[in-house]
Amino acid sequence: MKLCLRVIRGAGVGASATFSPDEPLVVGRGSQSRLQILDEGLSRTHCRFFWREGEPWVEDLGSKNGTTVNGQRLAAP
């Protein structure tokens, strides 16, 4: 199964990328990110979407501004 992540607000609106169990997705403003969003609020490698036990997950990659899901800030690794 693949899921599509699409930017719906702010910088990069309309940009999208997919991720699957064998291909995680790194989001950030750096060129090494598969979903690159040129926004100063994002780190070069900001967060990673991946699959765990058949469910999609997201983890913050130590970004300066953090990552939130449904208003809850994720813990950095």
PDB file of N, CA and C in Angstrom:
ATOM      1  N   MET A   1       0.834  -1.171   0.000  1.00  0.00           N
ATOM      2  CA  MET A   1       0.000   0.000   0.000  1.00  0.00           C
ATOM      3  C   MET A   1       0.884   1.241   0.000  1.00  0.00           C
ATOM      4  N   LYS A   2       0.447   2.252  -0.723  1.00  0.00           N
ATOM      5  CA  LYS A   2       1.136   3.538  -0.730  1.00  0.00           C
ATOM      6  C   LYS A   2       0.171   4.604  -0.243  1.00  0.00           C
ATOM      7  N   LEU A   3       0.710   5.577   0.478  1.00  0.00           N
ATOM      8  CA  LEU A   3      -0.065   6.745   0.876  1.00  0.00           C
ATOM      9  C   LEU A   3       0.561   7.974   0.247  1.00  0.00           C
ATOM     10  N   CYS A   4      -0.274   8.937  -0.070  1.00  0.00           N
ATOM     11  CA  CYS A   4       0.187  10.190  -0.655  1.00  0.00           C
ATOM     12  C   CYS A   4       0.086  11.288   0.387  1.00  0.00           C
ATOM     13  N   LEU A   5       1.154  12.050   0.538  1.00  0.00           N
ATOM     14  CA  LEU A   5       1.170  13.208   1.418  1.00  0.00           C
ATOM     15  C   LEU A   5       1.157  14.431   0.515  1.00  0.00           C
ATOM     16  N   ARG A   6       0.195  15.336   0.721  1.00  0.00           N
ATOM     17  CA  ARG A   6       0.060  16.521  -0.113  1.00  0.00           C
ATOM     18  C   ARG A   6       0.023  17.767   0.773  1.00  0.00           C
ATOM     19  N   VAL A   7       0.767  18.788   0.376  1.00  0.00           N
ATOM     20  CA  VAL A   7       0.785  20.066   1.101  1.00  0.00           C
ATOM     21  C   VAL A   7      -0.487  20.829   0.726  1.00  0.00           C
ATOM     22  N   ILE A   8      -1.281  21.197   1.750  1.00  0.00           N
ATOM     23  CA  ILE A   8      -2.548  21.877   1.472  1.00  0.00           C
ATOM     24  C   ILE A   8      -2.573  23.331   1.923  1.00  0.00           C
ATOM     25  N   ARG A   9      -1.544  23.764   2.697  1.00  0.00           N
ATOM     26  CA  ARG A   9      -1.472  25.157   3.146  1.00  0.00           C
ATOM     27  C   ARG A   9      -0.028  25.601   3.192  1.00  0.00           C
ATOM     28  N   GLY A  10       0.168  26.910   3.077  1.00  0.00           N
ATOM     29  CA  GLY A  10       1.498  27.483   3.255  1.00  0.00           C
ATOM     30  C   GLY A  10       2.432  27.251   2.090  1.00  0.00           C
ATOM     31  N   ALA A  11       3.719  27.349   2.403  1.00  0.00           N
ATOM     32  CA  ALA A  11       4.753  27.178   1.377  1.00  0.00           C
ATOM     33  C   ALA A  11       4.660  25.773   0.798  1.00  0.00           C
ATOM     34  N   GLY A  12       4.816  25.663  -0.479  1.00  0.00           N
ATOM     35  CA  GLY A  12       4.818  24.356  -1.124  1.00  0.00           C
ATOM     36  C   GLY A  12       3.444  23.792  -1.410  1.00  0.00           C
ATOM     37  N   VAL A  13       2.386  24.602  -1.246  1.00  0.00           N
ATOM     38  CA  VAL A  13       1.032  24.095  -1.472  1.00  0.00           C
ATOM     39  C   VAL A  13       0.947  23.400  -2.829  1.00  0.00           C
ATOM     40  N   GLY A  14       0.349  22.230  -2.837  1.00  0.00           N
ATOM     41  CA  GLY A  14       0.221  21.437  -4.055  1.00  0.00           C
ATOM     42  C   GLY A  14       1.304  20.381  -4.220  1.00  0.00           C
ATOM     43  N   ALA A  15       2.425  20.540  -3.537  1.00  0.00           N
ATOM     44  CA  ALA A  15       3.496  19.545  -3.632  1.00  0.00           C
ATOM     45  C   ALA A  15       3.014  18.251  -2.983  1.00  0.00           C
ATOM     46  N   SER A  16       3.479  17.114  -3.517  1.00  0.00           N
ATOM     47  CA  SER A  16       3.063  15.837  -2.944  1.00  0.00           C
ATOM     48  C   SER A  16       4.130  14.782  -3.190  1.00  0.00           C
ATOM     49  N   ALA A  17       4.043  13.724  -2.403  1.00  0.00           N
ATOM     50  CA  ALA A  17       4.924  12.570  -2.557  1.00  0.00           C
ATOM     51  C   ALA A  17       4.237  11.383  -1.888  1.00  0.00           C
ATOM     52  N   THR A  18       4.594  10.180  -2.314  1.00  0.00           N
ATOM     53  CA  THR A  18       4.031   8.973  -1.724  1.00  0.00           C
ATOM     54  C   THR A  18       5.069   8.272  -0.877  1.00  0.00           C
ATOM     55  N   PHE A  19       4.588   7.444   0.043  1.00  0.00           N
ATOM     56  CA  PHE A  19       5.483   6.582   0.797  1.00  0.00           C
ATOM     57  C   PHE A  19       4.804   5.239   0.976  1.00  0.00           C
ATOM     58  N   SER A  20       5.615   4.211   1.035  1.00  0.00           N
ATOM     59  CA  SER A  20       5.130   2.836   1.143  1.00  0.00           C
ATOM     60  C   SER A  20       5.936   2.114   2.215  1.00  0.00           C
ATOM     61  N   PRO A  21       5.534   0.903   2.578  1.00  0.00           N
ATOM     62  CA  PRO A  21       6.267   0.187   3.629  1.00  0.00           C
ATOM     63  C   PRO A  21       7.760   0.026   3.360  1.00  0.00           C
ATOM     64  N   ASP A  22       8.149  -0.035   2.102  1.00  0.00           N
ATOM     65  CA  ASP A  22       9.566  -0.216   1.781  1.00  0.00           C
ATOM     66  C   ASP A  22      10.260   1.077   1.355  1.00  0.00           C
ATOM     67  N   GLU A  23       9.553   2.211   1.452  1.00  0.00           N
ATOM     68  CA  GLU A  23      10.130   3.487   1.011  1.00  0.00           C
ATOM     69  C   GLU A  23       9.632   4.639   1.885  1.00  0.00           C
ATOM     70  N   PRO A  24      10.310   4.917   3.014  1.00  0.00           N
ATOM     71  CA  PRO A  24       9.894   6.033   3.857  1.00  0.00           C
ATOM     72  C   PRO A  24      10.029   7.365   3.127  1.00  0.00           C
ATOM     73  N   LEU A  25       9.433   8.396   3.677  1.00  0.00           N
ATOM     74  CA  LEU A  25       9.425   9.710   3.059  1.00  0.00           C
ATOM     75  C   LEU A  25       9.978  10.737   4.037  1.00  0.00           C
ATOM     76  N   VAL A  26      11.081  11.384   3.662  1.00  0.00           N
ATOM     77  CA  VAL A  26      11.648  12.462   4.472  1.00  0.00           C
ATOM     78  C   VAL A  26      11.158  13.788   3.897  1.00  0.00           C
ATOM     79  N   VAL A  27      10.662  14.646   4.797  1.00  0.00           N
ATOM     80  CA  VAL A  27      10.153  15.960   4.430  1.00  0.00           C
ATOM     81  C   VAL A  27      11.074  17.016   5.039  1.00  0.00           C
ATOM     82  N   GLY A  28      11.389  18.035   4.256  1.00  0.00           N
ATOM     83  CA  GLY A  28      12.221  19.127   4.753  1.00  0.00           C
ATOM     84  C   GLY A  28      12.511  20.104   3.640  1.00  0.00           C
ATOM     85  N   ARG A  29      13.337  21.104   3.941  1.00  0.00           N
ATOM     86  CA  ARG A  29      13.657  22.081   2.899  1.00  0.00           C
ATOM     87  C   ARG A  29      14.954  21.774   2.174  1.00  0.00           C
ATOM     88  N   GLY A  30      15.690  20.775   2.631  1.00  0.00           N
ATOM     89  CA  GLY A  30      16.947  20.410   1.989  1.00  0.00           C
ATOM     90  C   GLY A  30      16.745  19.570   0.737  1.00  0.00           C
ATOM     91  N   SER A  31      17.712  19.624  -0.142  1.00  0.00           N
ATOM     92  CA  SER A  31      17.608  18.894  -1.410  1.00  0.00           C
ATOM     93  C   SER A  31      17.608  17.376  -1.223  1.00  0.00           C
ATOM     94  N   GLN A  32      18.076  16.889  -0.074  1.00  0.00           N
ATOM     95  CA  GLN A  32      18.086  15.450   0.179  1.00  0.00           C
ATOM     96  C   GLN A  32      16.714  14.926   0.610  1.00  0.00           C
ATOM     97  N   SER A  33      15.745  15.821   0.875  1.00  0.00           N
ATOM     98  CA  SER A  33      14.393  15.420   1.256  1.00  0.00           C
ATOM     99  C   SER A  33      13.601  15.062   0.009  1.00  0.00           C
ATOM    100  N   ARG A  34      12.878  13.933   0.049  1.00  0.00           N
ATOM    101  CA  ARG A  34      12.068  13.555  -1.117  1.00  0.00           C
ATOM    102  C   ARG A  34      10.906  14.506  -1.325  1.00  0.00           C
ATOM    103  N   LEU A  35      10.328  15.024  -0.228  1.00  0.00           N
ATOM    104  CA  LEU A  35       9.318  16.073  -0.346  1.00  0.00           C
ATOM    105  C   LEU A  35       9.960  17.355   0.178  1.00  0.00           C
ATOM    106  N   GLN A  36      10.445  18.154  -0.760  1.00  0.00           N
ATOM    107  CA  GLN A  36      11.154  19.380  -0.411  1.00  0.00           C
ATOM    108  C   GLN A  36      10.166  20.542  -0.376  1.00  0.00           C
ATOM    109  N   ILE A  37      10.124  21.234   0.775  1.00  0.00           N
ATOM    110  CA  ILE A  37       9.252  22.392   0.956  1.00  0.00           C
ATOM    111  C   ILE A  37      10.139  23.554   1.382  1.00  0.00           C
ATOM    112  N   LEU A  38      10.194  24.564   0.552  1.00  0.00           N
ATOM    113  CA  LEU A  38      11.084  25.695   0.804  1.00  0.00           C
ATOM    114  C   LEU A  38      10.422  26.680   1.763  1.00  0.00           C
ATOM    115  N   ASP A  39      10.493  26.344   3.031  1.00  0.00           N
ATOM    116  CA  ASP A  39       9.909  27.155   4.091  1.00  0.00           C
ATOM    117  C   ASP A  39      10.929  27.239   5.214  1.00  0.00           C
ATOM    118  N   GLU A  40      11.259  28.452   5.641  1.00  0.00           N
ATOM    119  CA  GLU A  40      12.273  28.638   6.688  1.00  0.00           C
ATOM    120  C   GLU A  40      11.872  28.006   8.019  1.00  0.00           C
ATOM    121  N   GLY A  41      10.595  27.695   8.210  1.00  0.00           N
ATOM    122  CA  GLY A  41      10.147  27.045   9.432  1.00  0.00           C
ATOM    123  C   GLY A  41      10.473  25.562   9.489  1.00  0.00           C
ATOM    124  N   LEU A  42      10.916  25.010   8.356  1.00  0.00           N
ATOM    125  CA  LEU A  42      11.281  23.595   8.294  1.00  0.00           C
ATOM    126  C   LEU A  42      12.788  23.435   8.358  1.00  0.00           C
ATOM    127  N   SER A  43      13.226  22.363   8.970  1.00  0.00           N
ATOM    128  CA  SER A  43      14.649  22.010   8.959  1.00  0.00           C
ATOM    129  C   SER A  43      14.973  21.352   7.621  1.00  0.00           C
ATOM    130  N   ARG A  44      16.249  21.195   7.331  1.00  0.00           N
ATOM    131  CA  ARG A  44      16.643  20.546   6.070  1.00  0.00           C
ATOM    132  C   ARG A  44      16.090  19.138   5.980  1.00  0.00           C
ATOM    133  N   THR A  45      16.168  18.386   7.058  1.00  0.00           N
ATOM    134  CA  THR A  45      15.493  17.086   7.163  1.00  0.00           C
ATOM    135  C   THR A  45      14.607  17.180   8.398  1.00  0.00           C
ATOM    136  N   HIS A  46      13.356  17.502   8.221  1.00  0.00           N
ATOM    137  CA  HIS A  46      12.453  17.872   9.305  1.00  0.00           C
ATOM    138  C   HIS A  46      11.773  16.662   9.964  1.00  0.00           C
ATOM    139  N   CYS A  47      11.133  15.831   9.157  1.00  0.00           N
ATOM    140  CA  CYS A  47      10.430  14.676   9.705  1.00  0.00           C
ATOM    141  C   CYS A  47      10.429  13.538   8.686  1.00  0.00           C
ATOM    142  N   ARG A  48      10.041  12.364   9.165  1.00  0.00           N
ATOM    143  CA  ARG A  48      10.034  11.172   8.311  1.00  0.00           C
ATOM    144  C   ARG A  48       8.714  10.450   8.503  1.00  0.00           C
ATOM    145  N   PHE A  49       8.067  10.113   7.391  1.00  0.00           N
ATOM    146  CA  PHE A  49       6.864   9.287   7.390  1.00  0.00           C
ATOM    147  C   PHE A  49       7.282   7.864   7.022  1.00  0.00           C
ATOM    148  N   PHE A  50       6.755   6.896   7.746  1.00  0.00           N
ATOM    149  CA  PHE A  50       7.128   5.501   7.514  1.00  0.00           C
ATOM    150  C   PHE A  50       5.992   4.605   7.990  1.00  0.00           C
ATOM    151  N   TRP A  51       6.132   3.310   7.750  1.00  0.00           N
ATOM    152  CA  TRP A  51       5.142   2.320   8.161  1.00  0.00           C
ATOM    153  C   TRP A  51       5.690   1.507   9.324  1.00  0.00           C
ATOM    154  N   ARG A  52       4.834   1.235  10.311  1.00  0.00           N
ATOM    155  CA  ARG A  52       5.194   0.364  11.430  1.00  0.00           C
ATOM    156  C   ARG A  52       3.979  -0.524  11.713  1.00  0.00           C
ATOM    157  N   GLU A  53       4.191  -1.823  11.649  1.00  0.00           N
ATOM    158  CA  GLU A  53       3.130  -2.796  11.914  1.00  0.00           C
ATOM    159  C   GLU A  53       1.864  -2.501  11.104  1.00  0.00           C
ATOM    160  N   GLY A  54       2.060  -2.151   9.834  1.00  0.00           N
ATOM    161  CA  GLY A  54       0.943  -1.918   8.931  1.00  0.00           C
ATOM    162  C   GLY A  54       0.253  -0.570   9.076  1.00  0.00           C
ATOM    163  N   GLU A  55       0.790   0.321   9.903  1.00  0.00           N
ATOM    164  CA  GLU A  55       0.191   1.640  10.134  1.00  0.00           C
ATOM    165  C   GLU A  55       1.177   2.740   9.749  1.00  0.00           C
ATOM    166  N   PRO A  56       0.682   3.854   9.193  1.00  0.00           N
ATOM    167  CA  PRO A  56       1.583   4.983   8.893  1.00  0.00           C
ATOM    168  C   PRO A  56       1.952   5.730  10.175  1.00  0.00           C
ATOM    169  N   TRP A  57       3.208   6.125  10.272  1.00  0.00           N
ATOM    170  CA  TRP A  57       3.739   6.857  11.425  1.00  0.00           C
ATOM    171  C   TRP A  57       4.547   8.048  10.923  1.00  0.00           C
ATOM    172  N   VAL A  58       4.752   9.015  11.813  1.00  0.00           N
ATOM    173  CA  VAL A  58       5.638  10.140  11.512  1.00  0.00           C
ATOM    174  C   VAL A  58       6.546  10.347  12.711  1.00  0.00           C
ATOM    175  N   GLU A  59       7.794  10.688  12.444  1.00  0.00           N
ATOM    176  CA  GLU A  59       8.727  11.011  13.528  1.00  0.00           C
ATOM    177  C   GLU A  59       9.468  12.284  13.199  1.00  0.00           C
ATOM    178  N   ASP A  60       9.679  13.088  14.211  1.00  0.00           N
ATOM    179  CA  ASP A  60      10.472  14.302  14.081  1.00  0.00           C
ATOM    180  C   ASP A  60      11.941  13.886  14.013  1.00  0.00           C
ATOM    181  N   LEU A  61      12.704  14.514  13.166  1.00  0.00           N
ATOM    182  CA  LEU A  61      14.123  14.175  12.997  1.00  0.00           C
ATOM    183  C   LEU A  61      15.026  15.169  13.714  1.00  0.00           C
ATOM    184  N   GLY A  62      14.571  15.647  14.864  1.00  0.00           N
ATOM    185  CA  GLY A  62      15.366  16.597  15.636  1.00  0.00           C
ATOM    186  C   GLY A  62      15.272  18.014  15.109  1.00  0.00           C
ATOM    187  N   SER A  63      14.159  18.342  14.477  1.00  0.00           N
ATOM    188  CA  SER A  63      13.987  19.673  13.899  1.00  0.00           C
ATOM    189  C   SER A  63      13.938  20.742  14.990  1.00  0.00           C
ATOM    190  N   LYS A  64      14.360  21.933  14.633  1.00  0.00           N
ATOM    191  CA  LYS A  64      14.388  23.049  15.586  1.00  0.00           C
ATOM    192  C   LYS A  64      12.980  23.443  16.036  1.00  0.00           C
ATOM    193  N   ASN A  65      12.030  23.490  15.114  1.00  0.00           N
ATOM    194  CA  ASN A  65      10.675  23.940  15.429  1.00  0.00           C
ATOM    195  C   ASN A  65       9.724  22.812  15.814  1.00  0.00           C
ATOM    196  N   GLY A  66      10.173  21.579  15.729  1.00  0.00           N
ATOM    197  CA  GLY A  66       9.338  20.450  16.106  1.00  0.00           C
ATOM    198  C   GLY A  66       8.292  20.090  15.061  1.00  0.00           C
ATOM    199  N   THR A  67       7.622  18.985  15.303  1.00  0.00           N
ATOM    200  CA  THR A  67       6.573  18.471  14.428  1.00  0.00           C
ATOM    201  C   THR A  67       5.352  18.214  15.292  1.00  0.00           C
ATOM    202  N   THR A  68       4.195  18.652  14.828  1.00  0.00           N
ATOM    203  CA  THR A  68       2.953  18.400  15.569  1.00  0.00           C
ATOM    204  C   THR A  68       1.995  17.564  14.739  1.00  0.00           C
ATOM    205  N   VAL A  69       1.223  16.734  15.415  1.00  0.00           N
ATOM    206  CA  VAL A  69       0.164  15.943  14.800  1.00  0.00           C
ATOM    207  C   VAL A  69      -1.089  16.175  15.622  1.00  0.00           C
ATOM    208  N   ASN A  70      -2.126  16.674  14.978  1.00  0.00           N
ATOM    209  CA  ASN A  70      -3.393  16.977  15.667  1.00  0.00           C
ATOM    210  C   ASN A  70      -3.169  17.830  16.907  1.00  0.00           C
ATOM    211  N   GLY A  71      -2.278  18.811  16.797  1.00  0.00           N
ATOM    212  CA  GLY A  71      -2.015  19.732  17.889  1.00  0.00           C
ATOM    213  C   GLY A  71      -1.069  19.222  18.965  1.00  0.00           C
ATOM    214  N   GLN A  72      -0.619  17.983  18.851  1.00  0.00           N
ATOM    215  CA  GLN A  72       0.299  17.400  19.835  1.00  0.00           C
ATOM    216  C   GLN A  72       1.721  17.393  19.268  1.00  0.00           C
ATOM    217  N   ARG A  73       2.647  17.977  19.996  1.00  0.00           N
ATOM    218  CA  ARG A  73       4.044  17.993  19.547  1.00  0.00           C
ATOM    219  C   ARG A  73       4.662  16.613  19.744  1.00  0.00           C
ATOM    220  N   LEU A  74       5.330  16.124  18.708  1.00  0.00           N
ATOM    221  CA  LEU A  74       6.018  14.834  18.783  1.00  0.00           C
ATOM    222  C   LEU A  74       7.332  14.985  19.548  1.00  0.00           C
ATOM    223  N   ALA A  75       7.711  13.940  20.228  1.00  0.00           N
ATOM    224  CA  ALA A  75       9.014  13.915  20.909  1.00  0.00           C
ATOM    225  C   ALA A  75      10.111  13.705  19.872  1.00  0.00           C
ATOM    226  N   ALA A  76      11.185  14.439  19.981  1.00  0.00           N
ATOM    227  CA  ALA A  76      12.340  14.256  19.092  1.00  0.00           C
ATOM    228  C   ALA A  76      13.084  13.000  19.519  1.00  0.00           C
ATOM    229  N   PRO A  77      13.787  12.359  18.569  1.00  0.00           N
ATOM    230  CA  PRO A  77      14.529  11.137  18.917  1.00  0.00           C
ATOM    231  C   PRO A  77      15.648  11.402  19.895  1.00  0.00           C
TER     232      PRO A  77
END
